[in-house]
Amino acid sequence: MKKILGIVFLALLFSAIVTNFSNSEINPPFKNMSISKHPIEYKEISFKDYEGNTINLKDQKSKIYMLNFWATWCLPCKEEMPYLDNLQNVNGIKIFPINIEKNNKSKTEIFFKSLEIKNLSIYFDIENNLVNLFRLRGIPTTIILNKDRKEIARVLGAVDFSDKKFIKWIDSVAN
């Protein structure tokens, strides 16, 4: 009898693990989102802030990091940026909108002002170091990293980051 109960317990435990795994790992909240089965580690993730200072992600503290790659000429980027601006207010998430164009402060300022972006700062990947590191195929692309700065997911294309499914998913991976 103990053996049968042990087997039933293990089967239920396995089922619970598989169900939990499938909810957060296999079923991403967006069709254009891919989840990393094994988080991808990068040696160094650094980029420039608006003033030209180097920002190294290892010096940042957060539960979730989102690196959003965009350009001022990109219409889907324009559509998506207000959702990221609102998401910046969610506790435990740090968003870095990284412009991939040549350093053009005036264009990026106009872009942010026209969209009334208030919660995000402007960052640059002028030499495309991160574009190459992450092997980006297009923009917007958002790389989602866990607290250990390992890639757990990426979104190719524009999405509504205020979507309830995404908020639920991000909460589950942040805790």
Protein backbone atom coordinates (compact mmCIF):
# COMPACT_ATOMS: atom_id res chain seq x y z
CA MET A 1 0.00 0.00 0.00
CA LYS A 2 2.85 2.39 0.86
CA LYS A 3 4.41 1.68 -2.51
CA ILE A 4 1.16 2.52 -4.35
CA LEU A 5 0.73 5.74 -2.34
CA GLY A 6 4.32 6.66 -3.12
CA ILE A 7 3.76 6.11 -6.84
CA VAL A 8 0.51 8.12 -6.76
CA PHE A 9 2.28 10.93 -4.88
CA LEU A 10 5.13 11.01 -7.41
CA ALA A 11 2.65 10.97 -10.31
CA LEU A 12 0.73 13.91 -8.82
CA LEU A 13 3.96 15.80 -8.13
CA PHE A 14 5.18 15.19 -11.68
CA SER A 15 1.80 16.30 -13.06
CA ALA A 16 1.92 19.52 -11.01
CA ILE A 17 5.45 20.26 -12.20
CA VAL A 18 4.57 19.61 -15.84
CA THR A 19 1.42 21.75 -15.56
CA ASN A 20 3.35 24.62 -13.97
CA PHE A 21 6.12 24.29 -16.53
CA SER A 22 3.69 24.31 -19.42
CA ASN A 23 1.86 27.37 -18.17
CA SER A 24 4.95 29.55 -17.94
CA GLU A 25 7.42 27.92 -20.32
CA ILE A 26 5.55 26.39 -23.24
CA ASN A 27 2.59 28.74 -23.54
CA PRO A 28 4.01 32.23 -23.98
CA PRO A 29 1.54 35.10 -23.64
CA PHE A 30 2.18 36.25 -27.24
CA LYS A 31 2.51 34.31 -30.48
CA ASN A 32 5.61 36.29 -31.40
CA MET A 33 7.31 35.49 -28.08
CA SER A 34 9.76 32.65 -27.60
CA ILE A 35 10.69 31.27 -24.20
CA SER A 36 14.18 29.91 -23.52
CA LYS A 37 13.98 26.37 -22.17
CA HIS A 38 17.46 26.89 -20.75
CA PRO A 39 18.19 30.54 -19.82
CA ILE A 40 21.01 31.94 -21.96
CA GLU A 41 23.93 33.56 -20.18
CA TYR A 42 25.92 36.41 -21.69
CA LYS A 43 29.35 37.48 -20.46
CA GLU A 44 28.70 41.19 -20.56
CA ILE A 45 25.73 43.31 -21.47
CA SER A 46 26.66 46.96 -21.72
CA PHE A 47 25.39 49.97 -23.64
CA LYS A 48 25.41 53.78 -23.45
CA ASP A 49 23.02 56.08 -21.63
CA TYR A 50 21.85 59.42 -23.00
CA GLU A 51 24.96 61.20 -21.69
CA GLY A 52 27.32 58.65 -23.25
CA ASN A 53 28.15 56.82 -20.01
CA THR A 54 28.53 53.05 -20.17
CA ILE A 55 25.77 51.10 -18.44
CA ASN A 56 26.71 47.55 -17.49
CA LEU A 57 23.75 45.36 -16.60
CA LYS A 58 25.75 43.59 -13.87
CA ASP A 59 25.66 46.88 -11.92
CA GLN A 60 21.84 46.99 -11.99
CA LYS A 61 19.46 45.43 -9.46
CA SER A 62 16.08 44.09 -10.54
CA LYS A 63 13.96 40.93 -10.67
CA ILE A 64 13.41 41.25 -14.43
CA TYR A 65 15.30 43.22 -17.08
CA MET A 66 13.78 44.06 -20.44
CA LEU A 67 16.05 45.29 -23.22
CA ASN A 68 13.89 46.79 -25.95
CA PHE A 69 15.66 47.50 -29.24
CA TRP A 70 14.07 50.21 -31.36
CA ALA A 71 14.62 53.06 -33.84
CA THR A 72 12.94 56.41 -34.41
CA TRP A 73 11.85 55.48 -37.97
CA CYS A 74 10.19 52.23 -36.81
CA LEU A 75 6.37 52.53 -36.72
CA PRO A 76 5.82 49.34 -34.65
CA CYS A 77 8.38 50.70 -32.15
CA LYS A 78 6.31 53.88 -31.89
CA GLU A 79 3.19 51.80 -31.26
CA GLU A 80 4.86 49.69 -28.56
CA MET A 81 6.83 52.32 -26.60
CA PRO A 82 3.88 53.68 -24.53
CA TYR A 83 3.16 50.14 -23.26
CA LEU A 84 6.77 49.83 -22.14
CA ASP A 85 6.56 53.25 -20.50
CA ASN A 86 3.59 52.07 -18.41
CA LEU A 87 5.23 48.73 -17.62
CA GLN A 88 8.26 50.53 -16.16
CA ASN A 89 6.03 51.33 -13.16
CA VAL A 90 5.52 47.62 -12.36
CA ASN A 91 7.60 46.69 -9.33
CA GLY A 92 10.63 44.52 -10.01
CA ILE A 93 10.91 45.27 -13.75
CA LYS A 94 13.66 47.47 -15.20
CA ILE A 95 13.24 48.43 -18.84
CA PHE A 96 16.05 49.68 -21.05
CA PRO A 97 14.79 51.03 -24.40
CA ILE A 98 17.95 50.86 -26.52
CA ASN A 99 18.05 52.86 -29.75
CA ILE A 100 20.09 51.08 -32.43
CA GLU A 101 20.63 54.11 -34.66
CA LYS A 102 23.72 56.25 -34.76
CA ASN A 103 23.79 58.48 -31.71
CA ASN A 104 21.21 61.12 -32.56
CA LYS A 105 19.98 62.69 -29.35
CA SER A 106 17.60 65.16 -30.97
CA LYS A 107 15.68 62.48 -32.94
CA THR A 108 15.33 60.27 -29.86
CA GLU A 109 14.20 63.20 -27.73
CA ILE A 110 11.56 64.16 -30.29
CA PHE A 111 10.44 60.51 -30.49
CA PHE A 112 10.01 60.25 -26.68
CA LYS A 113 8.34 63.67 -26.37
CA SER A 114 5.88 62.99 -29.19
CA LEU A 115 4.78 59.82 -27.42
CA GLU A 116 4.75 61.49 -23.98
CA ILE A 117 7.19 58.92 -22.57
CA LYS A 118 7.73 59.83 -18.91
CA ASN A 119 9.05 56.73 -17.12
CA LEU A 120 11.78 55.52 -19.46
CA SER A 121 15.28 56.77 -20.14
CA ILE A 122 17.04 56.75 -23.50
CA TYR A 123 19.89 54.33 -24.18
CA PHE A 124 22.01 53.63 -27.26
CA ASP A 125 23.75 50.67 -28.91
CA ILE A 126 25.67 52.89 -31.33
CA GLU A 127 28.20 50.28 -32.44
CA ASN A 128 25.58 47.51 -32.61
CA ASN A 129 27.43 45.41 -30.03
CA LEU A 130 24.17 44.17 -28.50
CA VAL A 131 22.50 43.80 -31.90
CA ASN A 132 25.31 41.34 -32.72
CA LEU A 133 25.44 39.73 -29.27
CA PHE A 134 21.72 38.93 -29.30
CA ARG A 135 21.69 38.22 -33.07
CA LEU A 136 18.71 40.50 -33.63
CA ARG A 137 16.73 39.97 -36.82
CA GLY A 138 14.54 43.05 -36.71
CA ILE A 139 12.98 45.69 -34.51
CA PRO A 140 11.31 46.09 -32.23
CA THR A 141 12.81 43.17 -30.35
CA THR A 142 12.58 42.83 -26.59
CA ILE A 143 14.99 40.57 -24.71
CA ILE A 144 13.71 39.51 -21.26
CA LEU A 145 16.32 38.58 -18.68
CA ASN A 146 15.87 37.14 -15.20
CA LYS A 147 17.46 38.50 -12.00
CA ASP A 148 20.68 36.64 -12.89
CA ARG A 149 20.71 38.53 -16.21
CA LYS A 150 20.12 35.37 -18.24
CA GLU A 151 17.81 35.50 -21.25
CA ILE A 152 14.53 33.76 -20.47
CA ALA A 153 12.47 35.06 -23.40
CA ARG A 154 12.35 37.37 -26.37
CA VAL A 155 9.59 39.12 -28.25
CA LEU A 156 9.99 39.77 -31.98
CA GLY A 157 7.79 42.63 -33.10
CA ALA A 158 5.45 44.99 -31.31
CA VAL A 159 3.13 43.81 -28.55
CA ASP A 160 0.83 45.27 -25.93
CA PHE A 161 2.90 44.83 -22.77
CA SER A 162 -0.16 45.78 -20.70
CA ASP A 163 -1.87 42.54 -21.78
CA LYS A 164 -3.10 40.63 -18.71
CA LYS A 165 -1.59 37.35 -19.93
CA PHE A 166 1.82 38.98 -20.18
CA ILE A 167 1.53 40.63 -16.75
CA LYS A 168 0.58 37.25 -15.24
CA TRP A 169 3.49 35.56 -17.02
CA ILE A 170 6.03 38.23 -16.00
CA ASP A 171 4.84 38.01 -12.37
CA SER A 172 5.31 34.24 -12.43
CA VAL A 173 8.89 34.45 -13.69
CA ALA A 174 9.83 37.38 -11.46
CA ASN A 175 9.02 35.51 -8.25
